[in-house]
Amino acid sequence: MSQTPTEVRAIFQAWIDHPNQRTFLNIEHNGVVIADWIRANGGYWSPENLDAAVKVLGDLASGGRLGFYHPPTVVQTAQPTQPTAQELEAEQRRQRAEELSRRSLGENEVRTEFDRVPSKIPIGTGELERIALEDILSGAVMEDCQRMIDTHRGNSHGQTYRQQDELKAIVSDLKADGRPAREIIAAVRRKIHSYDNGSIH
């Protein structure tokens, strides 16, 4: 049974208006491709045959032959977030540790090996961790101080032993007074400097 052009248009329009076809593009390209498929497969226009044609011909976006509407992909941009209370607390601890480091090293103080050891306290560490780290750094300074004493040499063996004993006594006295490592090594450096300048001892 043949179909008139008016019947074909009515069938096609009813099919295209169905909600199931809301992404199908009603364009000339799609009409030509579907019409060719219908003619090649019996020539009878019906909603069922149109559904079959779409299923067989497929979407151009997936390698098929028909065009469909694809909504643009919305890219979600990351929104800036407010720092958490924990992050704010960690930043405050870091700032306090940096301020402690700045105050602990005076501008006129003799520079030592301590200055080449990282002095910034890691972010997020608490008071116990800060004290433990400072103990480690102080230990490094005292090792350097002891090395300076051990390698010091006077003009004679006797003078070397006497001056080394004097330097060790300085260290012991300052330790007993609870002086920090940087003050102790600074005092030892000053004493060695006085030896090198020719002071009589």
N, C-alpha and C. Protein backbone atom coordinates (compact mmCIF):
# COMPACT_ATOMS: atom_id res chain seq x y z
N MET A 1 0.85 -1.19 0.00
CA MET A 1 0.00 0.00 0.00
C MET A 1 0.88 1.23 0.00
N SER A 2 0.60 2.07 -1.01
CA SER A 2 1.41 3.27 -1.13
C SER A 2 0.91 4.34 -0.18
N GLN A 3 1.86 5.26 0.19
CA GLN A 3 1.52 6.37 1.07
C GLN A 3 1.74 7.68 0.33
N THR A 4 0.82 8.59 0.53
CA THR A 4 0.94 9.90 -0.12
C THR A 4 1.97 10.74 0.64
N PRO A 5 2.53 11.73 -0.03
CA PRO A 5 3.46 12.63 0.66
C PRO A 5 2.84 13.26 1.90
N THR A 6 1.56 13.58 1.84
CA THR A 6 0.90 14.19 3.00
C THR A 6 0.87 13.23 4.17
N GLU A 7 0.60 11.97 3.92
CA GLU A 7 0.57 10.96 4.98
C GLU A 7 1.97 10.77 5.58
N VAL A 8 2.96 10.74 4.70
CA VAL A 8 4.35 10.57 5.19
C VAL A 8 4.74 11.72 6.08
N ARG A 9 4.40 12.96 5.65
CA ARG A 9 4.75 14.12 6.46
C ARG A 9 4.03 14.09 7.81
N ALA A 10 2.79 13.68 7.84
CA ALA A 10 2.01 13.63 9.08
C ALA A 10 2.59 12.59 10.03
N ILE A 11 2.96 11.42 9.47
CA ILE A 11 3.55 10.36 10.32
C ILE A 11 4.89 10.83 10.90
N PHE A 12 5.67 11.44 10.02
CA PHE A 12 7.00 11.89 10.48
C PHE A 12 6.87 12.99 11.52
N GLN A 13 5.90 13.95 11.30
CA GLN A 13 5.73 15.05 12.25
C GLN A 13 5.24 14.54 13.60
N ALA A 14 4.30 13.58 13.59
CA ALA A 14 3.82 13.00 14.85
C ALA A 14 4.95 12.30 15.58
N TRP A 15 5.78 11.63 14.83
CA TRP A 15 6.92 10.91 15.45
C TRP A 15 7.93 11.90 16.03
N ILE A 16 8.24 12.96 15.28
CA ILE A 16 9.25 13.92 15.72
C ILE A 16 8.76 14.72 16.92
N ASP A 17 7.43 14.87 17.05
CA ASP A 17 6.88 15.63 18.16
C ASP A 17 6.80 14.82 19.46
N HIS A 18 7.05 13.53 19.39
CA HIS A 18 6.96 12.70 20.58
C HIS A 18 8.11 13.02 21.53
N PRO A 19 7.85 13.03 22.84
CA PRO A 19 8.92 13.34 23.82
C PRO A 19 10.15 12.45 23.68
N ASN A 20 9.97 11.24 23.18
CA ASN A 20 11.13 10.35 23.04
C ASN A 20 12.14 10.87 22.02
N GLN A 21 11.69 11.78 21.15
CA GLN A 21 12.57 12.27 20.09
C GLN A 21 13.06 13.71 20.37
N ARG A 22 13.03 14.12 21.63
CA ARG A 22 13.36 15.53 21.93
C ARG A 22 14.81 15.89 21.62
N THR A 23 15.70 14.87 21.51
CA THR A 23 17.09 15.20 21.17
C THR A 23 17.38 14.98 19.68
N PHE A 24 16.42 14.45 18.94
CA PHE A 24 16.61 14.22 17.51
C PHE A 24 16.54 15.55 16.78
N LEU A 25 17.53 15.83 15.93
CA LEU A 25 17.56 17.09 15.21
C LEU A 25 16.72 16.98 13.93
N ASN A 26 15.71 17.84 13.84
CA ASN A 26 14.84 17.84 12.66
C ASN A 26 15.49 18.71 11.59
N ILE A 27 16.51 18.14 10.95
CA ILE A 27 17.27 18.86 9.94
C ILE A 27 17.25 18.06 8.64
N GLU A 28 17.61 18.72 7.53
CA GLU A 28 17.55 18.09 6.22
C GLU A 28 18.42 16.84 6.16
N HIS A 29 19.61 16.89 6.74
CA HIS A 29 20.52 15.74 6.70
C HIS A 29 19.84 14.51 7.29
N ASN A 30 19.21 14.66 8.46
CA ASN A 30 18.56 13.51 9.09
C ASN A 30 17.39 13.00 8.24
N GLY A 31 16.63 13.93 7.67
CA GLY A 31 15.48 13.52 6.84
C GLY A 31 15.92 12.71 5.63
N VAL A 32 17.01 13.14 4.96
CA VAL A 32 17.50 12.42 3.78
C VAL A 32 18.00 11.03 4.16
N VAL A 33 18.77 10.94 5.25
CA VAL A 33 19.34 9.64 5.66
C VAL A 33 18.24 8.67 6.05
N ILE A 34 17.22 9.14 6.77
CA ILE A 34 16.12 8.26 7.19
C ILE A 34 15.27 7.84 5.98
N ALA A 35 15.03 8.77 5.09
CA ALA A 35 14.24 8.43 3.89
C ALA A 35 14.93 7.37 3.07
N ASP A 36 16.26 7.48 2.92
CA ASP A 36 17.02 6.46 2.18
C ASP A 36 16.89 5.11 2.87
N TRP A 37 16.95 5.10 4.21
CA TRP A 37 16.86 3.82 4.95
C TRP A 37 15.47 3.22 4.79
N ILE A 38 14.42 4.06 4.88
CA ILE A 38 13.05 3.58 4.74
C ILE A 38 12.84 2.95 3.35
N ARG A 39 13.31 3.62 2.31
CA ARG A 39 13.17 3.08 0.95
C ARG A 39 13.92 1.77 0.81
N ALA A 40 15.10 1.67 1.43
CA ALA A 40 15.90 0.45 1.32
C ALA A 40 15.33 -0.69 2.15
N ASN A 41 14.36 -0.40 3.03
CA ASN A 41 13.81 -1.43 3.92
C ASN A 41 12.27 -1.49 3.83
N GLY A 42 11.78 -1.49 2.63
CA GLY A 42 10.34 -1.72 2.39
C GLY A 42 9.58 -0.48 2.00
N GLY A 43 10.08 0.70 2.32
CA GLY A 43 9.45 1.94 1.88
C GLY A 43 8.22 2.35 2.66
N TYR A 44 7.96 1.70 3.81
CA TYR A 44 6.73 2.02 4.53
C TYR A 44 7.07 2.88 5.76
N TRP A 45 6.41 4.06 5.81
CA TRP A 45 6.64 4.99 6.92
C TRP A 45 5.70 4.68 8.07
N SER A 46 6.28 4.48 9.22
CA SER A 46 5.49 4.26 10.43
C SER A 46 6.36 4.62 11.63
N PRO A 47 5.75 4.90 12.78
CA PRO A 47 6.56 5.20 13.96
C PRO A 47 7.53 4.06 14.29
N GLU A 48 7.09 2.82 14.10
CA GLU A 48 7.95 1.68 14.41
C GLU A 48 9.16 1.63 13.48
N ASN A 49 8.94 1.89 12.18
CA ASN A 49 10.04 1.87 11.23
C ASN A 49 11.01 3.05 11.47
N LEU A 50 10.44 4.19 11.87
CA LEU A 50 11.31 5.33 12.19
C LEU A 50 12.18 5.03 13.42
N ASP A 51 11.59 4.39 14.43
CA ASP A 51 12.38 3.98 15.60
C ASP A 51 13.49 3.01 15.21
N ALA A 52 13.13 2.08 14.31
CA ALA A 52 14.12 1.10 13.86
C ALA A 52 15.24 1.78 13.08
N ALA A 53 14.88 2.77 12.26
CA ALA A 53 15.87 3.48 11.47
C ALA A 53 16.86 4.21 12.39
N VAL A 54 16.33 4.88 13.39
CA VAL A 54 17.19 5.62 14.33
C VAL A 54 18.12 4.65 15.07
N LYS A 55 17.60 3.50 15.46
CA LYS A 55 18.40 2.54 16.20
C LYS A 55 19.54 1.99 15.34
N VAL A 56 19.23 1.73 14.06
CA VAL A 56 20.24 1.16 13.17
C VAL A 56 21.26 2.20 12.73
N LEU A 57 20.76 3.40 12.39
CA LEU A 57 21.65 4.43 11.85
C LEU A 57 22.55 5.05 12.90
N GLY A 58 22.05 5.19 14.11
CA GLY A 58 22.90 5.64 15.22
C GLY A 58 23.23 7.13 15.23
N ASP A 59 23.90 7.53 16.28
CA ASP A 59 24.25 8.93 16.53
C ASP A 59 25.61 9.25 15.91
N LEU A 60 25.66 10.40 15.22
CA LEU A 60 26.93 10.83 14.63
C LEU A 60 28.03 10.93 15.67
N ALA A 61 27.67 11.34 16.88
CA ALA A 61 28.67 11.51 17.94
C ALA A 61 29.31 10.19 18.34
N SER A 62 28.63 9.09 18.04
CA SER A 62 29.15 7.75 18.39
C SER A 62 29.55 6.96 17.16
N GLY A 63 29.73 7.66 16.03
CA GLY A 63 30.14 6.99 14.81
C GLY A 63 29.00 6.62 13.89
N GLY A 64 27.75 7.05 14.24
CA GLY A 64 26.59 6.74 13.40
C GLY A 64 26.40 7.77 12.30
N ARG A 65 25.13 7.92 11.86
CA ARG A 65 24.86 8.79 10.70
C ARG A 65 23.87 9.91 10.98
N LEU A 66 23.21 9.89 12.13
CA LEU A 66 22.17 10.87 12.45
C LEU A 66 22.66 11.89 13.48
N GLY A 67 22.16 13.11 13.33
CA GLY A 67 22.54 14.16 14.27
C GLY A 67 21.56 14.27 15.42
N PHE A 68 22.09 14.38 16.63
CA PHE A 68 21.28 14.56 17.84
C PHE A 68 21.82 15.75 18.63
N TYR A 69 20.93 16.32 19.42
CA TYR A 69 21.34 17.44 20.27
C TYR A 69 22.01 16.91 21.53
N HIS A 70 23.19 17.45 21.82
CA HIS A 70 23.92 17.09 23.03
C HIS A 70 24.17 18.35 23.84
N PRO A 71 23.59 18.46 25.03
CA PRO A 71 23.81 19.66 25.85
C PRO A 71 25.29 19.86 26.13
N PRO A 72 25.74 21.11 26.12
CA PRO A 72 27.16 21.35 26.41
C PRO A 72 27.52 20.89 27.81
N THR A 73 28.73 20.37 27.93
CA THR A 73 29.21 19.90 29.22
C THR A 73 29.52 21.10 30.11
N VAL A 74 28.94 21.11 31.27
CA VAL A 74 29.18 22.20 32.23
C VAL A 74 30.40 21.84 33.08
N VAL A 75 31.41 22.68 32.98
CA VAL A 75 32.63 22.45 33.76
C VAL A 75 32.48 23.11 35.11
N GLN A 76 32.54 22.31 36.14
CA GLN A 76 32.44 22.84 37.50
C GLN A 76 33.77 23.41 37.93
N THR A 77 33.78 24.71 38.17
CA THR A 77 35.01 25.35 38.64
C THR A 77 35.07 25.29 40.15
N ALA A 78 36.27 25.03 40.63
CA ALA A 78 36.46 24.92 42.08
C ALA A 78 36.24 26.28 42.73
N GLN A 79 35.38 26.30 43.73
CA GLN A 79 35.12 27.53 44.45
C GLN A 79 36.10 27.65 45.62
N PRO A 80 36.60 28.88 45.84
CA PRO A 80 37.51 29.05 46.97
C PRO A 80 36.82 28.73 48.28
N THR A 81 37.48 28.00 49.12
CA THR A 81 36.91 27.60 50.39
C THR A 81 37.59 28.33 51.53
N GLN A 82 36.82 28.56 52.56
CA GLN A 82 37.37 29.20 53.75
C GLN A 82 38.22 28.20 54.51
N PRO A 83 39.37 28.64 55.06
CA PRO A 83 40.20 27.71 55.83
C PRO A 83 39.46 27.21 57.06
N THR A 84 39.72 25.96 57.39
CA THR A 84 39.10 25.38 58.56
C THR A 84 39.75 25.92 59.83
N ALA A 85 39.09 25.68 60.95
CA ALA A 85 39.65 26.12 62.23
C ALA A 85 41.00 25.47 62.49
N GLN A 86 41.14 24.20 62.07
CA GLN A 86 42.41 23.49 62.26
C GLN A 86 43.52 24.12 61.42
N GLU A 87 43.18 24.52 60.16
CA GLU A 87 44.17 25.15 59.29
C GLU A 87 44.58 26.52 59.82
N LEU A 88 43.61 27.28 60.34
CA LEU A 88 43.92 28.58 60.91
C LEU A 88 44.83 28.45 62.13
N GLU A 89 44.54 27.45 62.95
CA GLU A 89 45.37 27.23 64.14
C GLU A 89 46.79 26.84 63.75
N ALA A 90 46.92 26.00 62.72
CA ALA A 90 48.24 25.59 62.26
C ALA A 90 49.03 26.79 61.73
N GLU A 91 48.35 27.69 60.99
CA GLU A 91 49.02 28.88 60.46
C GLU A 91 49.45 29.80 61.59
N GLN A 92 48.63 29.94 62.63
CA GLN A 92 49.00 30.78 63.77
C GLN A 92 50.22 30.20 64.49
N ARG A 93 50.26 28.87 64.61
CA ARG A 93 51.43 28.24 65.25
C ARG A 93 52.68 28.48 64.43
N ARG A 94 52.54 28.40 63.10
CA ARG A 94 53.70 28.63 62.24
C ARG A 94 54.22 30.06 62.40
N GLN A 95 53.30 31.02 62.44
CA GLN A 95 53.71 32.41 62.58
C GLN A 95 54.38 32.66 63.93
N ARG A 96 53.85 32.04 64.99
CA ARG A 96 54.47 32.20 66.30
C ARG A 96 55.87 31.60 66.32
N ALA A 97 56.04 30.45 65.64
CA ALA A 97 57.35 29.80 65.60
C ALA A 97 58.35 30.66 64.84
N GLU A 98 57.92 31.29 63.74
CA GLU A 98 58.81 32.15 62.97
C GLU A 98 59.23 33.38 63.79
N GLU A 99 58.26 33.93 64.54
CA GLU A 99 58.58 35.08 65.38
C GLU A 99 59.57 34.69 66.47
N LEU A 100 59.40 33.49 67.03
CA LEU A 100 60.35 32.99 68.04
C LEU A 100 61.74 32.87 67.45
N SER A 101 61.83 32.38 66.22
CA SER A 101 63.12 32.22 65.56
C SER A 101 63.78 33.58 65.32
N ARG A 102 62.98 34.57 64.90
CA ARG A 102 63.54 35.90 64.65
C ARG A 102 64.06 36.54 65.93
N ARG A 103 63.30 36.40 67.03
CA ARG A 103 63.72 37.01 68.29
C ARG A 103 64.94 36.33 68.88
N SER A 104 65.05 35.01 68.64
CA SER A 104 66.12 34.25 69.28
C SER A 104 67.49 34.52 68.66
N LEU A 105 67.54 35.16 67.48
CA LEU A 105 68.81 35.45 66.82
C LEU A 105 68.97 36.95 66.67
N GLY A 106 69.72 37.58 67.56
CA GLY A 106 69.92 39.02 67.52
C GLY A 106 70.78 39.43 66.35
N GLU A 107 70.62 40.64 65.89
CA GLU A 107 71.36 41.12 64.73
C GLU A 107 72.86 41.21 65.01
N ASN A 108 73.26 41.50 66.27
CA ASN A 108 74.67 41.70 66.59
C ASN A 108 75.33 40.45 67.14
N GLU A 109 74.60 39.35 67.19
CA GLU A 109 75.15 38.13 67.77
C GLU A 109 76.07 37.43 66.78
N VAL A 110 77.14 36.80 67.32
CA VAL A 110 78.07 36.08 66.46
C VAL A 110 77.33 34.93 65.78
N ARG A 111 77.48 34.82 64.47
CA ARG A 111 76.83 33.75 63.72
C ARG A 111 77.56 32.43 63.94
N THR A 112 76.78 31.36 64.03
CA THR A 112 77.35 30.05 64.32
C THR A 112 76.79 29.02 63.36
N GLU A 113 77.19 27.76 63.56
CA GLU A 113 76.66 26.67 62.76
C GLU A 113 75.14 26.56 62.93
N PHE A 114 74.65 27.06 64.08
CA PHE A 114 73.22 26.99 64.34
C PHE A 114 72.42 27.68 63.25
N ASP A 115 73.01 28.75 62.68
CA ASP A 115 72.30 29.51 61.66
C ASP A 115 72.16 28.76 60.36
N ARG A 116 72.95 27.69 60.19
CA ARG A 116 72.83 26.91 58.96
C ARG A 116 71.89 25.72 59.15
N VAL A 117 71.33 25.57 60.34
CA VAL A 117 70.36 24.52 60.60
C VAL A 117 68.98 25.12 60.44
N PRO A 118 68.05 24.46 59.73
CA PRO A 118 66.71 25.02 59.55
C PRO A 118 66.10 25.41 60.89
N SER A 119 65.66 26.66 61.00
CA SER A 119 65.15 27.14 62.27
C SER A 119 63.63 27.24 62.30
N LYS A 120 62.98 27.10 61.13
CA LYS A 120 61.53 27.20 61.11
C LYS A 120 60.91 25.92 61.65
N ILE A 121 59.96 26.08 62.54
CA ILE A 121 59.27 24.93 63.09
C ILE A 121 58.21 24.47 62.08
N PRO A 122 58.15 23.17 61.78
CA PRO A 122 57.17 22.70 60.80
C PRO A 122 55.75 23.08 61.18
N ILE A 123 54.92 23.36 60.15
CA ILE A 123 53.53 23.75 60.38
C ILE A 123 52.80 22.60 61.06
N GLY A 124 52.00 22.97 62.05
CA GLY A 124 51.14 21.99 62.69
C GLY A 124 51.76 21.30 63.88
N THR A 125 53.01 21.53 64.18
CA THR A 125 53.60 20.88 65.34
C THR A 125 53.18 21.61 66.59
N GLY A 126 53.03 20.86 67.66
CA GLY A 126 52.62 21.44 68.92
C GLY A 126 53.81 21.84 69.77
N GLU A 127 53.52 22.24 71.00
CA GLU A 127 54.56 22.74 71.88
C GLU A 127 55.61 21.68 72.19
N LEU A 128 55.17 20.43 72.42
CA LEU A 128 56.13 19.37 72.73
C LEU A 128 57.06 19.11 71.56
N GLU A 129 56.49 19.10 70.33
CA GLU A 129 57.30 18.89 69.15
C GLU A 129 58.28 20.04 68.95
N ARG A 130 57.83 21.27 69.24
CA ARG A 130 58.71 22.44 69.10
C ARG A 130 59.89 22.32 70.05
N ILE A 131 59.63 21.94 71.30
CA ILE A 131 60.71 21.80 72.27
C ILE A 131 61.68 20.71 71.85
N ALA A 132 61.13 19.60 71.36
CA ALA A 132 62.00 18.49 70.93
C ALA A 132 62.89 18.92 69.78
N LEU A 133 62.34 19.67 68.83
CA LEU A 133 63.13 20.11 67.69
C LEU A 133 64.21 21.09 68.12
N GLU A 134 63.89 21.99 69.04
CA GLU A 134 64.90 22.93 69.52
C GLU A 134 66.02 22.20 70.25
N ASP A 135 65.67 21.12 70.95
CA ASP A 135 66.70 20.31 71.62
C ASP A 135 67.65 19.71 70.60
N ILE A 136 67.10 19.24 69.48
CA ILE A 136 67.94 18.65 68.44
C ILE A 136 68.88 19.69 67.86
N LEU A 137 68.33 20.89 67.59
CA LEU A 137 69.15 21.95 67.02
C LEU A 137 70.23 22.40 68.00
N SER A 138 69.88 22.47 69.28
CA SER A 138 70.87 22.85 70.29
C SER A 138 71.97 21.81 70.37
N GLY A 139 71.59 20.54 70.23
CA GLY A 139 72.60 19.48 70.25
C GLY A 139 73.57 19.63 69.10
N ALA A 140 73.07 20.03 67.92
CA ALA A 140 73.96 20.23 66.77
C ALA A 140 74.93 21.37 67.03
N VAL A 141 74.46 22.42 67.69
CA VAL A 141 75.33 23.55 67.99
C VAL A 141 76.41 23.15 68.99
N MET A 142 76.04 22.38 70.00
CA MET A 142 77.01 21.98 71.01
C MET A 142 78.04 21.01 70.43
N GLU A 143 77.63 20.20 69.47
CA GLU A 143 78.61 19.34 68.80
C GLU A 143 79.62 20.19 68.05
N ASP A 144 79.16 21.24 67.40
CA ASP A 144 80.06 22.14 66.70
C ASP A 144 80.98 22.86 67.69
N CYS A 145 80.43 23.23 68.83
CA CYS A 145 81.23 23.89 69.86
C CYS A 145 82.34 22.97 70.36
N GLN A 146 82.01 21.72 70.61
CA GLN A 146 83.01 20.76 71.08
C GLN A 146 84.08 20.52 70.03
N ARG A 147 83.67 20.50 68.78
CA ARG A 147 84.63 20.32 67.69
C ARG A 147 85.60 21.50 67.62
N MET A 148 85.11 22.70 67.86
CA MET A 148 85.98 23.88 67.88
C MET A 148 87.02 23.77 68.99
N ILE A 149 86.59 23.30 70.15
CA ILE A 149 87.52 23.16 71.28
C ILE A 149 88.57 22.09 70.98
N ASP A 150 88.11 20.96 70.45
CA ASP A 150 89.02 19.83 70.19
C ASP A 150 90.06 20.17 69.13
N THR A 151 89.69 21.01 68.18
CA THR A 151 90.63 21.33 67.09
C THR A 151 91.44 22.60 67.36
N HIS A 152 91.18 23.25 68.49
CA HIS A 152 91.94 24.47 68.81
C HIS A 152 93.39 24.10 69.14
N ARG A 153 94.32 24.91 68.66
CA ARG A 153 95.73 24.67 68.94
C ARG A 153 96.38 25.97 69.38
N GLY A 154 97.20 25.86 70.45
CA GLY A 154 98.00 26.99 70.91
C GLY A 154 99.38 26.96 70.29
N ASN A 155 100.28 27.77 70.84
CA ASN A 155 101.64 27.83 70.32
C ASN A 155 102.50 26.66 70.77
N SER A 156 102.03 25.94 71.77
CA SER A 156 102.76 24.78 72.26
C SER A 156 101.76 23.75 72.78
N HIS A 157 102.25 22.55 73.04
CA HIS A 157 101.35 21.52 73.58
C HIS A 157 100.78 21.96 74.92
N GLY A 158 101.62 22.52 75.75
CA GLY A 158 101.14 22.96 77.06
C GLY A 158 100.08 24.03 76.95
N GLN A 159 100.32 24.99 76.07
CA GLN A 159 99.35 26.06 75.88
C GLN A 159 98.05 25.52 75.30
N THR A 160 98.16 24.57 74.38
CA THR A 160 96.96 23.97 73.78
C THR A 160 96.09 23.33 74.86
N TYR A 161 96.69 22.50 75.72
CA TYR A 161 95.92 21.83 76.78
C TYR A 161 95.29 22.84 77.73
N ARG A 162 96.08 23.90 78.10
CA ARG A 162 95.58 24.89 79.04
C ARG A 162 94.39 25.66 78.45
N GLN A 163 94.54 26.07 77.20
CA GLN A 163 93.46 26.84 76.57
C GLN A 163 92.22 25.98 76.34
N GLN A 164 92.42 24.74 75.96
CA GLN A 164 91.27 23.85 75.79
C GLN A 164 90.53 23.67 77.11
N ASP A 165 91.30 23.55 78.23
CA ASP A 165 90.65 23.43 79.54
C ASP A 165 89.86 24.69 79.87
N GLU A 166 90.42 25.86 79.51
CA GLU A 166 89.71 27.11 79.77
C GLU A 166 88.41 27.17 78.96
N LEU A 167 88.47 26.72 77.72
CA LEU A 167 87.27 26.73 76.86
C LEU A 167 86.22 25.76 77.41
N LYS A 168 86.66 24.61 77.87
CA LYS A 168 85.72 23.64 78.45
C LYS A 168 85.08 24.19 79.71
N ALA A 169 85.86 24.96 80.48
CA ALA A 169 85.32 25.55 81.71
C ALA A 169 84.24 26.58 81.38
N ILE A 170 84.48 27.35 80.31
CA ILE A 170 83.47 28.33 79.89
C ILE A 170 82.16 27.63 79.55
N VAL A 171 82.28 26.52 78.81
CA VAL A 171 81.09 25.76 78.43
C VAL A 171 80.36 25.25 79.67
N SER A 172 81.11 24.70 80.62
CA SER A 172 80.50 24.14 81.83
C SER A 172 79.80 25.22 82.65
N ASP A 173 80.44 26.39 82.80
CA ASP A 173 79.85 27.47 83.59
C ASP A 173 78.56 27.98 82.96
N LEU A 174 78.60 28.17 81.65
CA LEU A 174 77.41 28.69 80.97
C LEU A 174 76.27 27.67 80.97
N LYS A 175 76.62 26.39 80.84
CA LYS A 175 75.59 25.35 80.92
C LYS A 175 74.95 25.36 82.30
N ALA A 176 75.79 25.52 83.34
CA ALA A 176 75.27 25.54 84.71
C ALA A 176 74.31 26.72 84.93
N ASP A 177 74.57 27.83 84.22
CA ASP A 177 73.70 29.00 84.32
C ASP A 177 72.46 28.88 83.45
N GLY A 178 72.36 27.76 82.70
CA GLY A 178 71.20 27.56 81.85
C GLY A 178 71.19 28.38 80.58
N ARG A 179 72.39 28.78 80.12
CA ARG A 179 72.49 29.57 78.90
C ARG A 179 72.19 28.72 77.68
N PRO A 180 71.55 29.29 76.66
CA PRO A 180 71.26 28.53 75.43
C PRO A 180 72.53 28.22 74.66
N ALA A 181 72.43 27.23 73.78
CA ALA A 181 73.60 26.76 73.04
C ALA A 181 74.24 27.86 72.21
N ARG A 182 73.44 28.73 71.62
CA ARG A 182 74.01 29.76 70.76
C ARG A 182 74.85 30.75 71.56
N GLU A 183 74.49 31.03 72.82
CA GLU A 183 75.30 31.92 73.66
C GLU A 183 76.61 31.24 74.06
N ILE A 184 76.53 29.94 74.31
CA ILE A 184 77.73 29.21 74.72
C ILE A 184 78.76 29.20 73.59
N ILE A 185 78.32 28.86 72.38
CA ILE A 185 79.28 28.79 71.29
C ILE A 185 79.80 30.18 70.93
N ALA A 186 78.98 31.21 71.13
CA ALA A 186 79.45 32.58 70.87
C ALA A 186 80.55 32.95 71.84
N ALA A 187 80.40 32.55 73.11
CA ALA A 187 81.42 32.85 74.12
C ALA A 187 82.72 32.10 73.81
N VAL A 188 82.60 30.86 73.36
CA VAL A 188 83.79 30.08 73.00
C VAL A 188 84.49 30.73 71.81
N ARG A 189 83.74 31.17 70.84
CA ARG A 189 84.34 31.83 69.68
C ARG A 189 85.10 33.10 70.11
N ARG A 190 84.47 33.87 71.00
CA ARG A 190 85.14 35.10 71.44
C ARG A 190 86.45 34.79 72.16
N LYS A 191 86.44 33.73 72.97
CA LYS A 191 87.66 33.37 73.70
C LYS A 191 88.74 32.91 72.74
N ILE A 192 88.39 32.10 71.76
CA ILE A 192 89.37 31.65 70.76
C ILE A 192 89.90 32.84 69.98
N HIS A 193 89.01 33.78 69.68
CA HIS A 193 89.43 34.98 68.96
C HIS A 193 90.47 35.76 69.77
N SER A 194 90.28 35.80 71.09
CA SER A 194 91.26 36.51 71.93
C SER A 194 92.61 35.79 71.92
N TYR A 195 92.59 34.46 71.86
CA TYR A 195 93.86 33.72 71.75
C TYR A 195 94.56 34.07 70.43
N ASP A 196 93.76 34.08 69.36
CA ASP A 196 94.35 34.34 68.05
C ASP A 196 94.91 35.75 67.92
N ASN A 197 94.36 36.68 68.73
CA ASN A 197 94.84 38.06 68.68
C ASN A 197 96.08 38.28 69.53
N GLY A 198 96.58 37.22 70.13
CA GLY A 198 97.85 37.33 70.84
C GLY A 198 97.76 37.64 72.31
N SER A 199 96.56 37.44 72.91
CA SER A 199 96.45 37.65 74.35
C SER A 199 97.30 36.64 75.08
N ILE A 200 97.93 37.02 76.18
CA ILE A 200 98.80 36.12 76.95
C ILE A 200 97.97 35.39 77.99
N HIS A 201 98.04 34.07 77.98
CA HIS A 201 97.30 33.24 78.93
C HIS A 201 98.22 32.21 79.52
